[in-house]
Amino acid sequence: MTNETRDGAGTTSVVRGSTPRTTTTPAGDRFLADFAALSRANGHAPAWLNERRIAAAARFEAVGLPTTRQEAWRKTNVQPIAQVAFANAPAMAADSVVATSAAAALDRLALLALDGHRLVFVNGVFDAARSHVGALPAGVRVGTLEQAWREGDAAVAAHYGRHADGDDAPFAAINTALAHDGAVIVVPDGVAVEAPIHVVFACAGGETAVAHHPRVLIVAGVGSRVTVIESYGGLVAGDVYLTNAVSEVVVAEGAEVDHTKRQLESEAAFHMGGMHVVQTGASRYVNHNVALGGRIVRNEVAIRIDASGCDTLLHGLYMGHGQQHIDNHTMLDHLKSGCHSFELYKGVLDGRATAVFTGRIKVHQDAQQTDAVQENRCLLLADTATVNTQPQLEIFADDVKCTHGASVGELDETQLTYLKARGIPPAAAHGILTYAYANEIIERIPIELVRDELEGLIRGRVRETQQLGD
């Protein structure tokens, strides 16, 4: 059923050839004003970048922020975002917002004990002091987009903004128009990067609601291998801010990319995330997407499987409590034959948390012998928690093996009874089963330190649930 409630984001008009748009949102007006200011300040940007920024701003101006009248957004109301005229986070000096307590939070988010390479951005500004890039194999580039733009990096010029933008992706358009820096990882043909690469985006606004627009570009060459972790988080509990993140990943023939996203935002913050992947040759791409923070969260994972013989694996975990809203939209676009995709998303909701899962698999006519599996499971720990789940299959080929399914339920009474019969208190039994349920996703992450840290966060969330239940 379509939600007919007006979202209150402003007046509505129709632009020829576009969807209905909102014309007077404070956030939308501020984004366009920030673009104008960025255009004036960035005379050193290459011509191709300016052209893509201008095109993205025009797309956003045409469609505006999404509303619940649009099918893809009817279960996620962005009115709270639309009503805020966010300050541009990069305009604030990073050093001024990283106070002593915030510095400790940043160190935790950055996982300083992780043995690998690290790029840290605070409010969109590169933090060289907390970043560390060690010795890399010949030809590998790990650095900032701003530097790559300045140096005329050909891989960045070829791929930046080519895989994420579209008329139906307004937040991606905002990001392309406003991102003034970010991370770039380029691995040349035949090279393996053994140590993980960790990209950290932190935000702190203090009394000011700020917006930052993190951008990541990963290009994995023929026969290459790389492991990348993206982390997003707030530095001060209760801070209101917007993280509007876009990642573009290009995976060439024979390449292997293992890609983890840790979303640990302030629970008063908004997180709009888009991950856009294209597999251009027979390759393997694995994505682990963990969402624990945020007031309103939207994760979009769109993968274009454009070569025969690809393996694509998506593992997602979302945990919501209180008034959190978490929306996961995934798209696996099978264009060529003989590919395998596996997708498992699991949710845990408590309190009055709400969630949306829309997973779509599209198998084109030329994608014969596709083997695709999609499953979404959600555990409701309270009668007041709600999930809307919609797995979708769209098949135009006749020689395929595709399945999809969704399940929503409570903890298994038989398992609870078994644990209670062995002297385990009811609250502890609930906690053990909830942790085991969520940890099925976490244990698939290949980096031990990341697994351990996320397992600790899940245990903490489970303990909070037990205390509220008591």
Protein backbone atom coordinates (compact mmCIF):
# COMPACT_ATOMS: atom_id res chain seq x y z
CA MET A 1 0.00 0.00 0.00
CA THR A 2 1.36 3.37 -0.93
CA ASN A 3 1.87 5.78 1.96
CA GLU A 4 -0.25 8.81 1.11
CA THR A 5 1.00 10.95 4.00
CA ARG A 6 2.44 14.23 2.76
CA ASP A 7 6.04 14.52 3.85
CA GLY A 8 5.90 18.23 4.62
CA ALA A 9 9.21 18.85 2.87
CA GLY A 10 7.92 21.73 0.76
CA THR A 11 5.81 22.53 -2.26
CA THR A 12 5.73 20.19 -5.23
CA SER A 13 6.06 20.92 -8.91
CA VAL A 14 6.76 18.87 -12.02
CA VAL A 15 9.81 19.35 -14.21
CA ARG A 16 9.27 18.08 -17.75
CA GLY A 17 10.73 14.61 -18.14
CA SER A 18 11.37 14.17 -14.41
CA THR A 19 9.63 12.80 -11.36
CA PRO A 20 7.75 15.21 -9.05
CA ARG A 21 10.26 17.19 -7.06
CA THR A 22 10.37 19.24 -3.91
CA THR A 23 11.38 22.81 -4.66
CA THR A 24 11.68 24.55 -1.31
CA THR A 25 13.49 22.26 1.12
CA PRO A 26 16.06 24.01 3.27
CA ALA A 27 18.50 21.14 2.73
CA GLY A 28 18.07 21.15 -1.04
CA ASP A 29 18.55 24.90 -1.28
CA ARG A 30 21.65 24.70 0.91
CA PHE A 31 23.17 21.91 -1.20
CA LEU A 32 22.78 24.02 -4.35
CA ALA A 33 24.23 27.05 -2.57
CA ASP A 34 27.20 24.96 -1.42
CA PHE A 35 27.71 23.81 -5.02
CA ALA A 36 27.80 27.40 -6.19
CA ALA A 37 30.38 28.24 -3.52
CA LEU A 38 32.48 25.17 -4.40
CA SER A 39 32.43 26.14 -8.08
CA ARG A 40 33.75 29.59 -7.26
CA ALA A 41 36.50 28.22 -4.99
CA ASN A 42 37.71 25.36 -7.19
CA GLY A 43 39.30 27.03 -10.15
CA HIS A 44 42.13 24.46 -10.01
CA ALA A 45 39.80 21.47 -10.59
CA PRO A 46 40.27 19.69 -13.96
CA ALA A 47 37.74 20.47 -16.65
CA TRP A 48 36.26 16.95 -16.68
CA LEU A 49 35.57 17.15 -12.94
CA ASN A 50 33.85 20.51 -13.23
CA GLU A 51 31.71 19.15 -16.07
CA ARG A 52 30.60 16.15 -14.01
CA ARG A 53 29.88 18.32 -10.99
CA ILE A 54 27.77 20.69 -13.06
CA ALA A 55 25.84 17.80 -14.63
CA ALA A 56 25.22 16.24 -11.21
CA ALA A 57 23.98 19.52 -9.73
CA ALA A 58 21.62 19.91 -12.68
CA ARG A 59 20.23 16.40 -12.12
CA PHE A 60 19.62 17.14 -8.47
CA GLU A 61 18.02 20.49 -9.23
CA ALA A 62 15.66 18.72 -11.64
CA VAL A 63 14.48 15.96 -9.29
CA GLY A 64 15.09 17.34 -5.78
CA LEU A 65 15.10 15.26 -2.61
CA PRO A 66 12.98 12.09 -2.77
CA THR A 67 9.51 11.90 -1.21
CA THR A 68 7.26 9.07 -0.08
CA ARG A 69 5.25 9.52 -3.29
CA GLN A 70 8.09 7.82 -5.14
CA GLU A 71 7.94 4.03 -5.14
CA ALA A 72 11.58 3.50 -4.18
CA TRP A 73 11.17 5.79 -1.15
CA ARG A 74 7.60 5.18 -0.03
CA LYS A 75 8.70 3.46 3.19
CA THR A 76 11.48 5.93 4.01
CA ASN A 77 10.53 9.52 4.73
CA VAL A 78 13.45 11.94 4.44
CA GLN A 79 11.45 14.88 5.78
CA PRO A 80 13.79 15.28 8.80
CA ILE A 81 16.72 15.64 6.38
CA ALA A 82 14.83 17.97 4.05
CA GLN A 83 14.02 20.36 6.89
CA VAL A 84 17.62 20.98 7.97
CA ALA A 85 19.80 23.59 6.25
CA PHE A 86 23.05 21.73 6.92
CA ALA A 87 26.30 23.66 7.14
CA ASN A 88 29.02 22.48 4.80
CA ALA A 89 31.29 20.36 7.01
CA PRO A 90 34.53 20.89 5.01
CA ALA A 91 34.22 24.61 5.68
CA MET A 92 34.87 23.84 9.35
CA ALA A 93 38.49 23.22 10.34
CA ALA A 94 38.97 19.59 11.33
CA ASP A 95 41.27 20.47 14.24
CA SER A 96 38.63 22.71 15.81
CA VAL A 97 36.07 19.91 16.13
CA VAL A 98 38.37 17.10 17.31
CA ALA A 99 38.49 17.87 21.01
CA THR A 100 40.06 15.48 23.51
CA SER A 101 37.01 13.26 23.91
CA ALA A 102 36.31 13.33 20.19
CA ALA A 103 39.94 12.40 19.47
CA ALA A 104 39.53 9.23 21.53
CA ALA A 105 36.36 8.39 19.60
CA LEU A 106 38.20 8.99 16.32
CA ASP A 107 41.02 6.67 17.38
CA ARG A 108 38.48 3.94 18.16
CA LEU A 109 36.74 4.41 14.82
CA ALA A 110 40.09 4.32 13.00
CA LEU A 111 41.12 0.98 14.56
CA LEU A 112 44.68 2.14 15.09
CA ALA A 113 45.79 -1.38 15.98
CA LEU A 114 44.87 -2.66 12.53
CA ASP A 115 47.99 -3.67 10.65
CA GLY A 116 47.52 -2.06 7.26
CA HIS A 117 47.12 1.22 5.43
CA ARG A 118 44.80 3.97 6.69
CA LEU A 119 43.26 7.14 5.25
CA VAL A 120 41.34 9.32 7.72
CA PHE A 121 38.96 12.17 6.89
CA VAL A 122 37.27 14.38 9.51
CA ASN A 123 34.33 16.46 8.31
CA GLY A 124 35.49 15.74 4.77
CA VAL A 125 39.01 17.04 5.41
CA PHE A 126 42.00 14.72 5.07
CA ASP A 127 43.70 14.11 8.44
CA ALA A 128 47.33 13.40 7.54
CA ALA A 129 48.38 13.01 11.19
CA ARG A 130 46.09 10.03 11.76
CA SER A 131 46.56 8.53 8.32
CA HIS A 132 49.24 6.01 7.50
CA VAL A 133 50.15 4.50 4.15
CA GLY A 134 53.07 2.12 4.37
CA ALA A 135 55.13 0.48 1.67
CA LEU A 136 52.96 -0.57 -1.27
CA PRO A 137 53.60 -2.90 -4.21
CA ALA A 138 54.83 -1.17 -7.34
CA GLY A 139 52.12 0.79 -9.12
CA VAL A 140 49.54 0.71 -6.32
CA ARG A 141 48.06 4.12 -5.49
CA VAL A 142 46.40 4.77 -2.14
CA GLY A 143 45.71 8.41 -1.48
CA THR A 144 43.27 11.28 -1.67
CA LEU A 145 41.05 12.17 -4.57
CA GLU A 146 42.12 15.80 -4.32
CA GLN A 147 45.72 14.77 -5.00
CA ALA A 148 44.66 12.45 -7.84
CA TRP A 149 42.67 15.28 -9.46
CA ARG A 150 45.61 17.64 -9.15
CA GLU A 151 48.03 15.10 -10.65
CA GLY A 152 45.73 14.12 -13.51
CA ASP A 153 45.27 10.45 -12.55
CA ALA A 154 43.93 8.72 -15.68
CA ALA A 155 42.08 5.96 -13.78
CA VAL A 156 40.23 8.53 -11.69
CA ALA A 157 39.28 10.56 -14.75
CA ALA A 158 38.02 7.39 -16.47
CA HIS A 159 35.83 6.13 -13.62
CA TYR A 160 34.93 8.91 -11.18
CA GLY A 161 31.21 9.67 -11.42
CA ARG A 162 30.68 7.12 -14.20
CA HIS A 163 29.05 4.34 -12.17
CA ALA A 164 27.03 6.01 -9.41
CA ASP A 165 24.97 8.78 -10.89
CA GLY A 166 21.51 8.53 -12.37
CA ASP A 167 18.22 10.36 -12.48
CA ASP A 168 16.89 8.08 -9.72
CA ALA A 169 19.86 8.68 -7.37
CA PRO A 170 19.49 12.22 -5.97
CA PHE A 171 21.83 11.73 -3.03
CA ALA A 172 24.54 10.37 -5.33
CA ALA A 173 24.10 13.45 -7.50
CA ILE A 174 24.52 15.69 -4.44
CA ASN A 175 27.69 13.81 -3.57
CA THR A 176 29.18 14.16 -7.06
CA ALA A 177 28.37 17.87 -7.06
CA LEU A 178 29.78 18.56 -3.58
CA ALA A 179 32.49 15.99 -2.77
CA HIS A 180 35.71 18.00 -2.55
CA ASP A 181 37.95 15.10 -1.49
CA GLY A 182 37.89 11.41 -0.67
CA ALA A 183 39.87 8.22 -1.08
CA VAL A 184 41.23 6.62 -4.22
CA ILE A 185 42.63 3.09 -4.39
CA VAL A 186 44.06 1.86 -7.69
CA VAL A 187 45.62 -1.61 -7.93
CA PRO A 188 47.32 -2.36 -11.26
CA ASP A 189 47.12 -5.59 -13.19
CA GLY A 190 48.52 -8.68 -11.52
CA VAL A 191 49.22 -7.04 -8.14
CA ALA A 192 48.03 -8.26 -4.74
CA VAL A 193 47.84 -5.84 -1.80
CA GLU A 194 48.20 -8.14 1.20
CA ALA A 195 47.56 -5.60 3.98
CA PRO A 196 44.02 -4.21 4.30
CA ILE A 197 43.30 -0.62 3.35
CA HIS A 198 41.11 1.22 5.87
CA VAL A 199 39.27 4.39 4.84
CA VAL A 200 37.74 6.33 7.76
CA PHE A 201 35.15 9.10 7.51
CA ALA A 202 34.32 10.80 10.81
CA CYS A 203 31.97 13.70 11.47
CA ALA A 204 31.58 16.14 14.34
CA GLY A 205 29.35 19.16 14.18
CA GLY A 206 28.93 20.32 17.74
CA GLU A 207 26.09 22.84 17.94
CA THR A 208 25.89 23.06 14.14
CA ALA A 209 24.17 20.43 11.99
CA VAL A 210 26.70 19.71 9.26
CA ALA A 211 26.78 17.61 6.09
CA HIS A 212 29.76 15.87 4.56
CA HIS A 213 29.94 13.91 1.34
CA PRO A 214 32.51 11.10 1.53
CA ARG A 215 33.67 9.63 -1.76
CA VAL A 216 35.64 6.44 -2.46
CA LEU A 217 36.91 5.11 -5.78
CA ILE A 218 38.39 1.62 -6.00
CA VAL A 219 39.83 0.33 -9.28
CA ALA A 220 41.07 -3.28 -9.20
CA GLY A 221 43.04 -4.22 -12.31
CA VAL A 222 43.22 -7.54 -14.13
CA GLY A 223 44.22 -10.35 -11.79
CA SER A 224 44.65 -8.04 -8.79
CA ARG A 225 43.58 -8.58 -5.19
CA VAL A 226 42.71 -6.05 -2.47
CA THR A 227 40.84 -5.83 0.84
CA VAL A 228 39.17 -2.51 1.71
CA ILE A 229 37.33 -1.41 4.85
CA GLU A 230 35.19 1.72 4.94
CA SER A 231 34.24 3.10 8.36
CA TYR A 232 31.73 5.88 9.08
CA GLY A 233 31.04 7.31 12.51
CA GLY A 234 30.29 10.31 14.68
CA LEU A 235 32.75 11.64 17.22
CA VAL A 236 30.27 13.05 19.72
CA ALA A 237 27.21 11.16 20.94
CA GLY A 238 23.99 12.91 19.97
CA ASP A 239 25.51 15.03 17.19
CA VAL A 240 23.10 15.81 14.35
CA TYR A 241 24.77 15.62 10.93
CA LEU A 242 24.38 14.11 7.48
CA THR A 243 26.78 11.61 5.97
CA ASN A 244 26.07 11.32 2.26
CA ALA A 245 28.52 8.71 1.02
CA VAL A 246 29.22 7.25 -2.42
CA SER A 247 31.65 4.46 -3.31
CA GLU A 248 32.44 3.35 -6.84
CA VAL A 249 34.21 0.01 -7.37
CA VAL A 250 35.53 -1.34 -10.67
CA VAL A 251 36.57 -5.01 -10.69
CA ALA A 252 38.44 -6.25 -13.77
CA GLU A 253 39.06 -9.75 -15.15
CA GLY A 254 40.39 -12.17 -12.53
CA ALA A 255 40.40 -9.56 -9.76
CA GLU A 256 39.29 -10.22 -6.18
CA VAL A 257 37.91 -7.43 -3.99
CA ASP A 258 36.79 -7.94 -0.39
CA HIS A 259 34.91 -4.84 0.78
CA THR A 260 33.60 -4.15 4.29
CA LYS A 261 31.50 -1.19 5.45
CA ARG A 262 31.21 -0.30 9.17
CA GLN A 263 28.44 2.22 9.79
CA LEU A 264 28.66 3.47 13.38
CA GLU A 265 27.06 6.91 13.13
CA SER A 266 25.62 8.90 16.00
CA GLU A 267 22.05 7.79 16.59
CA ALA A 268 20.90 11.37 15.94
CA ALA A 269 22.63 11.45 12.55
CA PHE A 270 21.48 10.66 9.02
CA HIS A 271 23.37 8.29 6.75
CA MET A 272 22.69 8.04 3.02
CA GLY A 273 25.09 5.54 1.49
CA GLY A 274 25.49 4.33 -2.06
CA MET A 275 27.84 1.54 -3.14
CA HIS A 276 28.07 1.14 -6.91
CA VAL A 277 30.07 -1.77 -8.30
CA VAL A 278 30.78 -2.95 -11.83
CA GLN A 279 32.43 -6.29 -12.57
CA THR A 280 33.91 -5.88 -16.03
CA GLY A 281 35.54 -9.34 -16.25
CA ALA A 282 35.26 -12.77 -14.63
CA SER A 283 36.00 -11.72 -11.06
CA ARG A 284 35.05 -12.06 -7.41
CA TYR A 285 33.51 -9.26 -5.36
CA VAL A 286 32.51 -9.74 -1.71
CA ASN A 287 30.67 -7.07 0.28
CA HIS A 288 30.06 -7.02 4.05
CA ASN A 289 27.68 -4.22 5.10
CA VAL A 290 27.12 -3.63 8.83
CA ALA A 291 24.76 -0.83 9.96
CA LEU A 292 24.47 -0.13 13.68
CA GLY A 293 24.08 3.67 13.98
CA GLY A 294 22.05 6.49 12.53
CA ARG A 295 18.58 7.93 13.03
CA ILE A 296 17.56 7.52 9.37
CA VAL A 297 19.77 5.24 7.28
CA ARG A 298 19.62 4.32 3.62
CA ASN A 299 22.08 1.80 2.18
CA GLU A 300 22.02 1.27 -1.57
CA VAL A 301 24.19 -1.48 -3.03
CA ALA A 302 24.01 -1.72 -6.82
CA ILE A 303 26.20 -4.24 -8.63
CA ARG A 304 26.44 -4.51 -12.40
CA ILE A 305 27.68 -8.00 -13.29
CA ASP A 306 28.86 -7.35 -16.81
CA ALA A 307 31.03 -10.39 -17.60
CA SER A 308 30.66 -14.15 -17.67
CA GLY A 309 32.02 -16.23 -14.79
CA CYS A 310 31.62 -13.69 -11.97
CA ASP A 311 31.12 -14.47 -8.29
CA THR A 312 29.28 -11.85 -6.23
CA LEU A 313 28.56 -12.19 -2.50
CA LEU A 314 26.62 -9.72 -0.33
CA HIS A 315 26.47 -10.10 3.46
CA GLY A 316 24.49 -7.52 5.45
CA LEU A 317 23.64 -6.97 9.09
CA TYR A 318 21.44 -4.15 10.38
CA MET A 319 20.55 -3.64 14.05
CA GLY A 320 18.06 -0.98 15.12
CA HIS A 321 16.57 0.08 18.44
CA GLY A 322 14.79 3.12 19.85
CA GLN A 323 13.46 5.19 16.93
CA GLN A 324 16.05 4.15 14.35
CA HIS A 325 15.01 3.59 10.73
CA ILE A 326 17.28 1.51 8.47
CA ASP A 327 16.54 1.03 4.77
CA ASN A 328 18.55 -1.42 2.63
CA HIS A 329 18.12 -1.40 -1.14
CA THR A 330 20.19 -3.89 -3.13
CA MET A 331 20.35 -4.51 -6.86
CA LEU A 332 22.18 -7.36 -8.58
CA ASP A 333 22.10 -6.78 -12.31
CA HIS A 334 23.12 -9.98 -14.14
CA LEU A 335 23.98 -9.13 -17.74
CA LYS A 336 26.20 -12.06 -18.79
CA SER A 337 26.09 -15.85 -18.57
CA GLY A 338 27.51 -18.31 -16.06
CA CYS A 339 27.60 -16.07 -12.99
CA HIS A 340 26.88 -16.83 -9.36
CA SER A 341 25.54 -14.41 -6.77
CA PHE A 342 24.67 -15.01 -3.13
CA GLU A 343 23.01 -12.46 -0.86
CA LEU A 344 22.14 -12.78 2.82
CA TYR A 345 20.92 -9.79 4.85
CA LYS A 346 19.92 -10.20 8.50
CA GLY A 347 18.22 -7.66 10.74
CA VAL A 348 17.65 -7.33 14.49
CA LEU A 349 15.08 -4.76 15.59
CA ASP A 350 14.02 -3.68 19.06
CA GLY A 351 12.00 -0.85 20.59
CA ARG A 352 10.14 1.14 17.94
CA ALA A 353 12.81 0.66 15.30
CA THR A 354 11.72 0.25 11.69
CA ALA A 355 13.52 -1.26 8.73
CA VAL A 356 13.08 -1.72 5.01
CA PHE A 357 14.69 -4.33 2.81
CA THR A 358 14.20 -4.21 -0.95
CA GLY A 359 16.41 -6.67 -2.77
CA ARG A 360 16.21 -6.99 -6.53
CA ILE A 361 17.86 -9.51 -8.81
CA LYS A 362 17.55 -8.84 -12.53
CA VAL A 363 18.65 -11.55 -14.97
CA HIS A 364 18.91 -10.33 -18.55
CA GLN A 365 18.26 -12.48 -21.61
CA ASP A 366 21.98 -13.02 -22.26
CA ALA A 367 22.62 -14.09 -18.66
CA GLN A 368 21.92 -17.78 -19.17
CA GLN A 369 23.08 -20.27 -16.50
CA THR A 370 22.88 -17.66 -13.77
CA ASP A 371 22.81 -19.07 -10.24
CA ALA A 372 21.44 -16.42 -7.86
CA VAL A 373 20.32 -16.72 -4.25
CA GLN A 374 18.84 -13.90 -2.16
CA GLU A 375 17.58 -14.08 1.40
CA ASN A 376 16.53 -11.52 3.99
CA ARG A 377 15.84 -12.57 7.57
CA CYS A 378 14.75 -10.24 10.34
CA LEU A 379 14.48 -10.87 14.06
CA LEU A 380 11.95 -8.73 15.94
CA LEU A 381 12.68 -8.44 19.66
CA ALA A 382 9.66 -6.23 20.42
CA ASP A 383 6.05 -6.07 19.27
CA THR A 384 6.57 -2.40 18.45
CA ALA A 385 9.40 -3.01 15.94
CA THR A 386 8.50 -3.17 12.25
CA VAL A 387 10.17 -4.38 9.07
CA ASN A 388 8.99 -4.16 5.46
CA THR A 389 10.74 -6.68 3.25
CA GLN A 390 10.37 -7.09 -0.49
CA PRO A 391 12.64 -9.56 -2.29
CA GLN A 392 12.32 -9.32 -6.05
CA LEU A 393 13.29 -11.47 -9.04
CA GLU A 394 13.12 -10.22 -12.62
CA ILE A 395 14.17 -12.97 -15.04
CA PHE A 396 14.39 -12.74 -18.82
CA ALA A 397 16.52 -15.87 -19.38
CA ASP A 398 15.22 -19.45 -19.41
CA ASP A 399 18.25 -21.45 -18.23
CA VAL A 400 18.75 -20.14 -14.71
CA LYS A 401 18.64 -21.19 -11.07
CA CYS A 402 17.32 -18.33 -8.96
CA THR A 403 15.73 -18.30 -5.52
CA HIS A 404 14.71 -15.56 -3.13
CA GLY A 405 12.96 -15.41 0.20
CA ALA A 406 12.26 -13.44 3.33
CA SER A 407 11.46 -14.43 6.90
CA VAL A 408 10.43 -12.29 9.85
CA GLY A 409 9.97 -13.69 13.33
CA GLU A 410 10.87 -13.86 16.97
CA LEU A 411 13.44 -15.93 18.82
CA ASP A 412 12.87 -19.67 18.62
CA GLU A 413 10.91 -20.80 21.70
CA THR A 414 12.34 -24.31 21.46
CA GLN A 415 15.89 -22.97 21.65
CA LEU A 416 14.96 -20.64 24.53
CA THR A 417 13.39 -23.53 26.43
CA TYR A 418 16.50 -25.64 25.84
CA LEU A 419 18.77 -22.96 27.32
CA LYS A 420 16.45 -22.21 30.25
CA ALA A 421 16.25 -25.91 31.09
CA ARG A 422 20.01 -25.88 31.57
CA GLY A 423 19.88 -23.12 34.16
CA ILE A 424 20.48 -20.12 31.91
CA PRO A 425 18.36 -17.11 32.99
CA PRO A 426 15.75 -15.96 30.43
CA ALA A 427 17.48 -12.64 29.68
CA ALA A 428 20.82 -14.35 29.14
CA ALA A 429 19.19 -16.97 26.91
CA HIS A 430 17.68 -14.21 24.77
CA GLY A 431 21.08 -12.55 24.56
CA ILE A 432 22.92 -15.72 23.54
CA LEU A 433 20.49 -16.47 20.73
CA THR A 434 20.41 -12.86 19.50
CA TYR A 435 24.19 -12.66 19.42
CA ALA A 436 24.50 -15.98 17.59
CA TYR A 437 21.91 -14.86 15.06
CA ALA A 438 23.74 -11.61 14.26
CA ASN A 439 27.21 -13.08 14.38
CA GLU A 440 26.53 -15.30 11.36
CA ILE A 441 27.20 -12.20 9.24
CA ILE A 442 30.12 -10.84 11.27
CA GLU A 443 32.07 -14.10 11.16
CA ARG A 444 32.28 -13.82 7.36
CA ILE A 445 34.45 -10.68 7.57
CA PRO A 446 38.04 -11.76 6.85
CA ILE A 447 39.89 -9.28 9.13
CA GLU A 448 40.09 -10.61 12.69
CA LEU A 449 40.39 -7.23 14.40
CA VAL A 450 37.32 -5.92 12.57
CA ARG A 451 35.36 -9.05 13.49
CA ASP A 452 36.35 -8.78 17.14
CA GLU A 453 35.42 -5.10 17.35
CA LEU A 454 32.01 -5.61 15.73
CA GLU A 455 31.32 -8.66 17.88
CA GLY A 456 31.98 -6.49 20.94
CA LEU A 457 29.57 -3.83 19.68
CA ILE A 458 26.90 -6.47 19.09
CA ARG A 459 27.38 -7.85 22.60
CA GLY A 460 26.96 -4.32 23.95
CA ARG A 461 23.75 -3.82 21.97
CA VAL A 462 22.43 -7.15 23.24
CA ARG A 463 23.24 -6.20 26.86
CA GLU A 464 21.31 -2.94 26.40
CA THR A 465 18.32 -4.94 25.17
CA GLN A 466 18.54 -7.26 28.17
CA GLN A 467 18.63 -4.31 30.61
CA LEU A 468 15.62 -2.70 28.97
CA GLY A 469 13.81 -6.04 29.16
CA ASP A 470 14.59 -6.35 32.85
